[in-house]
N, C-alpha and C. Protein backbone atom coordinates (compact mmCIF):
# COMPACT_ATOMS: atom_id res chain seq x y z
N MET A 1 -23.31 -3.10 23.90
CA MET A 1 -21.97 -2.46 22.86
C MET A 1 -20.74 -2.05 24.37
N ALA A 2 -19.82 -2.36 24.51
CA ALA A 2 -19.23 -1.71 25.65
C ALA A 2 -18.61 -0.72 24.75
N THR A 3 -18.24 0.47 25.60
CA THR A 3 -17.21 1.64 25.43
C THR A 3 -16.04 1.96 26.22
N LYS A 4 -14.93 2.63 25.95
CA LYS A 4 -14.00 2.94 26.21
C LYS A 4 -14.07 4.34 26.31
N THR A 5 -13.36 4.87 27.02
CA THR A 5 -13.40 6.72 26.81
C THR A 5 -11.93 6.68 26.51
N LEU A 6 -11.18 7.73 25.58
CA LEU A 6 -10.00 8.07 25.42
C LEU A 6 -9.78 9.29 25.53
N THR A 7 -8.65 9.50 25.67
CA THR A 7 -7.75 11.13 25.51
C THR A 7 -7.36 11.34 24.67
N ILE A 8 -7.28 12.28 23.78
CA ILE A 8 -6.83 12.85 22.87
C ILE A 8 -6.36 14.17 22.57
N THR A 9 -5.21 14.47 21.67
CA THR A 9 -5.01 16.05 21.41
C THR A 9 -5.77 16.63 20.99
N GLU A 10 -6.21 18.06 21.01
CA GLU A 10 -6.83 18.47 20.40
C GLU A 10 -6.53 18.54 18.75
N SER A 11 -5.53 18.93 18.42
CA SER A 11 -5.12 18.56 17.30
C SER A 11 -5.75 17.12 16.02
N ALA A 12 -5.40 15.97 17.27
CA ALA A 12 -6.03 14.75 16.76
C ALA A 12 -7.39 14.82 16.67
N TYR A 13 -8.01 15.39 17.71
CA TYR A 13 -9.61 15.29 17.59
C TYR A 13 -9.95 16.31 16.30
N ASP A 14 -9.31 17.19 15.83
CA ASP A 14 -9.49 18.13 14.74
C ASP A 14 -9.08 17.31 13.78
N LYS A 15 -8.47 16.78 13.32
CA LYS A 15 -8.01 15.56 12.11
C LYS A 15 -8.96 14.83 12.30
N LEU A 16 -9.60 13.96 13.08
CA LEU A 16 -10.75 12.84 13.25
C LEU A 16 -11.81 13.76 12.72
N ALA A 17 -12.41 14.36 13.57
CA ALA A 17 -13.69 15.60 13.24
C ALA A 17 -13.31 15.76 11.68
N SER A 18 -12.32 16.31 10.86
CA SER A 18 -12.47 16.39 9.45
C SER A 18 -12.70 15.65 8.65
N GLU A 19 -12.26 14.11 8.90
CA GLU A 19 -12.92 13.05 8.37
C GLU A 19 -14.40 12.29 9.04
N LYS A 20 -15.37 13.46 9.28
CA LYS A 20 -16.48 13.03 9.78
C LYS A 20 -17.45 12.98 8.55
N LYS A 21 -18.14 12.21 8.10
CA LYS A 21 -19.35 12.33 6.98
C LYS A 21 -20.29 12.61 8.10
N GLU A 22 -21.40 12.65 7.13
CA GLU A 22 -22.98 13.18 7.86
C GLU A 22 -23.17 12.11 8.54
N ASN A 23 -24.00 12.24 9.91
CA ASN A 23 -24.22 11.13 10.67
C ASN A 23 -23.28 9.84 10.88
N GLU A 24 -22.04 10.12 11.03
CA GLU A 24 -20.94 9.57 11.13
C GLU A 24 -20.49 9.46 12.66
N SER A 25 -20.22 8.48 13.43
CA SER A 25 -19.77 8.65 14.84
C SER A 25 -18.20 8.48 14.55
N PHE A 26 -17.46 8.93 15.98
CA PHE A 26 -16.28 9.11 16.04
C PHE A 26 -15.83 7.42 15.81
N SER A 27 -16.96 6.54 16.38
CA SER A 27 -16.24 5.19 16.29
C SER A 27 -16.65 4.99 14.70
N MET A 28 -17.61 4.98 13.89
CA MET A 28 -17.26 4.61 12.95
C MET A 28 -16.40 5.36 12.07
N ILE A 29 -15.86 6.23 11.85
CA ILE A 29 -14.80 7.09 11.35
C ILE A 29 -13.33 6.00 11.75
N ILE A 30 -13.16 5.44 12.96
CA ILE A 30 -12.10 4.51 13.11
C ILE A 30 -12.25 3.55 12.72
N GLU A 31 -13.57 2.75 12.69
CA GLU A 31 -13.55 1.55 11.74
C GLU A 31 -13.20 1.62 10.48
N ARG A 32 -13.82 2.57 9.68
CA ARG A 32 -13.51 2.92 8.39
C ARG A 32 -12.37 3.04 8.21
N LYS A 33 -11.71 3.62 9.02
CA LYS A 33 -10.29 4.36 8.64
C LYS A 33 -9.20 2.88 8.95
N PHE A 34 -9.66 2.37 9.84
CA PHE A 34 -8.58 1.26 10.02
C PHE A 34 -9.14 -0.49 9.34
N LYS A 35 -10.23 -0.19 8.59
CA LYS A 35 -10.76 -1.49 7.98
C LYS A 35 -9.61 -2.32 7.14
N LYS A 36 -9.64 -3.46 7.51
CA LYS A 36 -8.61 -4.49 6.82
C LYS A 36 -9.37 -4.62 5.66
N TYR A 37 -8.54 -4.64 4.41
CA TYR A 37 -9.11 -4.93 3.24
C TYR A 37 -8.36 -6.60 2.69
N ASN A 38 -9.30 -7.35 2.39
CA ASN A 38 -9.37 -8.80 1.37
C ASN A 38 -8.65 -7.80 0.00
N LEU A 39 -7.75 -8.84 -0.57
CA LEU A 39 -7.44 -8.38 -1.70
C LEU A 39 -8.37 -8.52 -2.64
N LEU A 40 -9.76 -9.93 -2.64
CA LEU A 40 -10.72 -9.95 -3.38
C LEU A 40 -11.55 -8.62 -3.39
N ASP A 41 -11.27 -8.05 -2.50
CA ASP A 41 -12.21 -6.68 -2.48
C ASP A 41 -12.25 -5.61 -3.21
N MET A 42 -10.63 -5.88 -3.91
CA MET A 42 -10.27 -4.97 -5.13
C MET A 42 -10.60 -5.68 -6.32
N ALA A 43 -10.94 -6.58 -6.65
CA ALA A 43 -11.35 -7.21 -7.80
C ALA A 43 -12.08 -6.24 -8.86
N GLY A 44 -11.98 -6.35 -9.95
CA GLY A 44 -12.66 -5.30 -10.67
C GLY A 44 -12.71 -4.28 -10.68
N ALA A 45 -11.59 -3.37 -10.19
CA ALA A 45 -11.26 -1.80 -9.75
C ALA A 45 -10.72 -1.53 -10.74
N LEU A 46 -9.71 -2.18 -11.84
CA LEU A 46 -9.13 -2.18 -12.75
C LEU A 46 -10.06 -2.49 -14.08
N SER A 47 -10.11 -1.33 -15.27
CA SER A 47 -10.57 -2.14 -16.74
C SER A 47 -9.99 -3.33 -17.14
N LYS A 48 -10.40 -4.27 -18.18
CA LYS A 48 -9.41 -5.21 -18.54
C LYS A 48 -7.90 -4.87 -18.94
N GLU A 49 -7.83 -3.58 -19.57
CA GLU A 49 -7.11 -2.56 -20.66
C GLU A 49 -5.77 -2.11 -19.75
N SER A 50 -6.41 -1.27 -18.56
CA SER A 50 -5.85 -0.94 -17.28
C SER A 50 -4.68 -2.19 -16.55
N GLY A 51 -5.60 -3.18 -16.44
CA GLY A 51 -4.92 -4.27 -15.83
C GLY A 51 -4.03 -4.96 -16.63
N GLU A 52 -4.30 -5.15 -17.89
CA GLU A 52 -3.37 -5.75 -19.00
C GLU A 52 -2.05 -4.85 -18.67
N ALA A 53 -2.12 -3.26 -18.94
CA ALA A 53 -1.41 -2.48 -19.00
C ALA A 53 -0.50 -2.30 -17.52
N LEU A 54 -1.04 -2.69 -16.48
CA LEU A 54 -0.04 -2.84 -15.13
C LEU A 54 0.83 -3.88 -15.26
N GLU A 55 0.01 -5.17 -15.77
CA GLU A 55 0.71 -6.76 -15.65
C GLU A 55 1.93 -6.17 -16.91
N LYS A 56 2.00 -5.74 -17.65
CA LYS A 56 2.95 -5.77 -18.66
C LYS A 56 4.19 -4.85 -18.07
N ALA A 57 3.53 -3.60 -17.35
CA ALA A 57 4.69 -2.67 -16.81
C ALA A 57 5.60 -3.44 -15.96
N ILE A 58 4.83 -4.28 -15.05
CA ILE A 58 5.36 -5.12 -13.83
C ILE A 58 6.27 -6.30 -14.44
N LYS A 59 6.21 -6.67 -15.53
CA LYS A 59 6.62 -7.57 -16.23
C LYS A 59 8.20 -6.75 -16.69
N GLU A 60 7.63 -5.84 -17.18
CA GLU A 60 9.20 -5.40 -17.76
C GLU A 60 9.49 -4.54 -16.48
N ASN A 61 9.01 -4.24 -15.51
CA ASN A 61 9.85 -3.81 -14.30
C ASN A 61 10.69 -5.08 -14.26
N ARG A 62 10.10 -5.89 -13.65
CA ARG A 62 10.67 -7.44 -13.30
C ARG A 62 12.02 -7.85 -13.88
N LYS A 63 11.75 -8.00 -15.46
CA LYS A 63 13.07 -8.11 -16.06
C LYS A 63 14.23 -7.11 -16.18
N LYS A 64 13.87 -5.62 -15.85
CA LYS A 64 15.05 -4.94 -15.94
C LYS A 64 15.76 -5.07 -14.75
N ASP A 65 15.04 -5.19 -13.43
CA ASP A 65 15.23 -5.21 -12.19
C ASP A 65 16.17 -6.77 -12.00
N GLN A 66 15.93 -7.93 -13.16
CA GLN A 66 16.75 -8.91 -12.87
C GLN A 66 18.30 -8.71 -13.71
N GLU A 67 17.62 -7.95 -14.76
CA GLU A 67 19.32 -7.48 -15.65
C GLU A 67 20.33 -6.92 -14.48
N LEU A 68 19.69 -5.79 -14.03
CA LEU A 68 20.21 -5.11 -13.32
C LEU A 68 21.03 -5.82 -12.41
N HIS A 69 20.67 -7.19 -11.55
CA HIS A 69 20.98 -7.73 -10.55
C HIS A 69 21.97 -8.86 -11.43
N ASP A 70 21.77 -9.15 -12.29
CA ASP A 70 22.82 -10.01 -12.71
C ASP A 70 24.10 -9.44 -13.23
N LYS A 71 23.83 -8.20 -13.49
CA LYS A 71 24.85 -7.07 -13.89
C LYS A 71 26.06 -7.17 -12.81
N LYS A 72 25.03 -6.51 -11.88
CA LYS A 72 25.73 -6.76 -10.37
C LYS A 72 26.53 -7.79 -9.76
N MET A 73 26.29 -9.08 -10.01
CA MET A 73 26.77 -10.37 -9.56
C MET A 73 27.82 -10.31 -10.58
N LYS A 74 27.55 -10.43 -11.85
CA LYS A 74 29.08 -10.33 -12.21
C LYS A 74 30.07 -9.46 -11.98
N ASN A 75 30.04 -8.24 -11.81
CA ASN A 75 30.79 -7.54 -11.42
C ASN A 75 31.04 -8.18 -9.89
N ILE A 76 30.70 -8.34 -9.40
CA ILE A 76 30.91 -8.56 -7.73
C ILE A 76 31.93 -10.00 -8.08
N GLU A 77 31.13 -10.93 -9.18
CA GLU A 77 31.97 -12.34 -9.41
C GLU A 77 33.57 -11.59 -9.79
N LYS A 78 33.95 -10.87 -10.93
CA LYS A 78 34.91 -10.22 -11.27
C LYS A 78 35.83 -9.76 -9.96
N GLN A 79 35.27 -9.17 -9.46
CA GLN A 79 36.16 -8.26 -8.03
C GLN A 79 36.80 -9.82 -7.15
N LEU A 80 35.84 -10.46 -7.08
CA LEU A 80 36.24 -11.43 -6.38
C LEU A 80 37.48 -12.73 -6.92
N ARG A 81 37.33 -12.43 -8.07
CA ARG A 81 38.52 -13.66 -8.74
C ARG A 81 39.64 -13.04 -8.88
N ARG A 82 39.32 -11.26 -8.88
CA ARG A 82 41.14 -10.43 -8.79
C ARG A 82 41.69 -10.88 -7.49
N GLN A 83 40.95 -11.06 -6.20
CA GLN A 83 41.69 -10.96 -5.10
C GLN A 83 42.14 -12.48 -5.03
């Protein structure tokens, strides 16, 4: 495995070291912190009830956002007609 030497500040080193778990190298910390997750990795993270509550809240917020958008568009249309 190829290696690279990095120069970091002491405060950056301290932050990195504070994240270190037992028997973990600095390379392992960096790999863990910058891991890219696949959406499927989150499957099953919520209970069915929590998922349903979240879905309901999202739908309600989308509806409110749409209503607000429609109201703003009507106001803009009124202003344009006055000109």
